[in-house]
């Protein structure tokens, strides 16, 4: 694939995954390569954040399969990996005069 096709493909994938995260009240923290890091239970506490995260993961797998079926039309398909972690987290705000970033820290 050429660079334009890769760009369009990854953006199309991200659109599906972000839709899923929003549907389950998560927050997209960042894109890391072709990965989406999503947080649940922050910045506002959610009593069932772990369950929402798990259900979102299942929904993302379903969306990925549907997305691949539309895109491949008989071609080889890429796999989908999902990691879920529910532990106490620290939600620091890193900042300098030029940049600010909010993310999750903790052992997984």
Protein backbone atom coordinates (compact mmCIF):
# COMPACT_ATOMS: atom_id res chain seq x y z
CA UNK A 1 0.00 0.00 0.00
CA UNK A 2 1.12 3.53 -0.68
CA UNK A 3 1.36 6.18 2.05
CA UNK A 4 -2.02 7.71 1.17
CA UNK A 5 -3.74 4.32 1.39
CA UNK A 6 -2.09 3.55 4.74
CA UNK A 7 -3.13 6.97 6.07
CA UNK A 8 -6.74 6.48 4.97
CA UNK A 9 -6.86 2.92 6.32
CA UNK A 10 -5.51 3.82 9.77
CA UNK A 11 -7.81 6.86 10.03
CA UNK A 12 -10.79 4.70 9.06
CA UNK A 13 -9.84 2.17 11.75
CA UNK A 14 -9.38 4.91 14.36
CA UNK A 15 -12.82 6.35 13.52
CA UNK A 16 -14.45 3.00 14.36
CA UNK A 17 -12.49 2.57 17.59
CA UNK A 18 -13.08 6.14 18.80
CA UNK A 19 -16.82 5.71 18.16
CA UNK A 20 -16.79 2.63 20.37
CA UNK A 21 -14.87 4.36 23.18
CA UNK A 22 -17.26 7.32 23.16
CA UNK A 23 -20.29 5.02 23.14
CA UNK A 24 -19.14 3.50 26.44
CA UNK A 25 -18.20 6.80 28.08
CA UNK A 26 -14.46 6.35 27.73
CA UNK A 27 -11.86 8.94 26.84
CA UNK A 28 -9.33 8.43 24.05
CA UNK A 29 -5.99 9.27 25.63
CA UNK A 30 -3.79 8.86 22.57
CA UNK A 31 -2.99 6.99 19.40
CA UNK A 32 0.23 4.97 19.58
CA UNK A 33 1.13 3.74 16.12
CA UNK A 34 -1.98 1.82 15.09
CA UNK A 35 -3.17 1.48 18.70
CA UNK A 36 -5.79 3.41 20.63
CA UNK A 37 -5.24 4.04 24.34
CA UNK A 38 -8.56 4.68 26.05
CA UNK A 39 -9.24 5.52 29.68
CA UNK A 40 -12.40 4.84 31.67
CA UNK A 41 -13.32 6.35 35.02
CA UNK A 42 -11.49 9.60 34.38
CA UNK A 43 -11.55 12.57 34.49
CA UNK A 44 -14.89 11.95 36.23
CA UNK A 45 -15.32 8.86 38.39
CA UNK A 46 -17.52 6.11 36.96
CA UNK A 47 -18.73 3.45 39.40
CA UNK A 48 -18.62 0.72 36.71
CA UNK A 49 -15.58 1.88 34.73
CA UNK A 50 -14.02 -1.61 34.58
CA UNK A 51 -17.22 -3.14 33.17
CA UNK A 52 -17.57 -0.31 30.64
CA UNK A 53 -13.99 -0.91 29.55
CA UNK A 54 -14.57 -4.64 29.06
CA UNK A 55 -17.81 -4.14 27.15
CA UNK A 56 -16.08 -1.53 25.01
CA UNK A 57 -13.30 -4.03 24.24
CA UNK A 58 -15.86 -6.57 23.01
CA UNK A 59 -17.57 -3.88 20.94
CA UNK A 60 -14.21 -2.86 19.45
CA UNK A 61 -13.55 -6.46 18.41
CA UNK A 62 -16.97 -6.62 16.75
CA UNK A 63 -16.41 -3.30 14.98
CA UNK A 64 -12.95 -4.42 13.85
CA UNK A 65 -14.36 -7.59 12.31
CA UNK A 66 -17.08 -5.63 10.49
CA UNK A 67 -14.54 -3.04 9.36
CA UNK A 68 -12.22 -5.76 8.04
CA UNK A 69 -15.07 -7.48 6.19
CA UNK A 70 -15.90 -4.21 4.39
CA UNK A 71 -12.26 -3.47 3.56
CA UNK A 72 -10.84 -6.85 2.57
CA UNK A 73 -13.36 -8.40 0.18
CA UNK A 74 -11.67 -11.81 0.21
CA UNK A 75 -8.15 -10.58 1.04
CA UNK A 76 -6.13 -11.60 4.09
CA UNK A 77 -7.27 -10.03 7.35
CA UNK A 78 -5.25 -8.46 10.12
CA UNK A 79 -5.72 -9.57 13.71
CA UNK A 80 -7.01 -7.51 16.61
CA UNK A 81 -5.46 -7.40 20.07
CA UNK A 82 -7.13 -6.06 23.20
CA UNK A 83 -5.63 -5.45 26.62
CA UNK A 84 -7.67 -4.39 29.58
CA UNK A 85 -6.36 -3.41 32.97
CA UNK A 86 -8.36 -2.28 35.97
CA UNK A 87 -6.18 -1.20 38.84
CA UNK A 88 -5.71 1.89 40.93
CA UNK A 89 -4.22 4.50 38.68
CA UNK A 90 -2.57 7.81 39.03
CA UNK A 91 -3.89 10.40 36.58
CA UNK A 92 -1.10 12.97 36.43
CA UNK A 93 -1.11 16.18 34.47
CA UNK A 94 2.33 16.67 32.97
CA UNK A 95 3.00 20.20 31.94
CA UNK A 96 5.55 22.73 30.91
CA UNK A 97 5.08 26.28 29.68
CA UNK A 98 4.59 24.93 26.13
CA UNK A 99 2.77 21.63 26.58
CA UNK A 100 0.34 19.85 28.86
CA UNK A 101 -0.59 16.15 28.83
CA UNK A 102 -2.98 14.07 30.93
CA UNK A 103 -2.51 10.30 30.98
CA UNK A 104 -2.57 7.15 33.11
CA UNK A 105 0.33 5.78 35.12
CA UNK A 106 0.61 2.52 37.00
CA UNK A 107 1.70 -1.09 36.72
CA UNK A 108 -0.16 -3.35 34.29
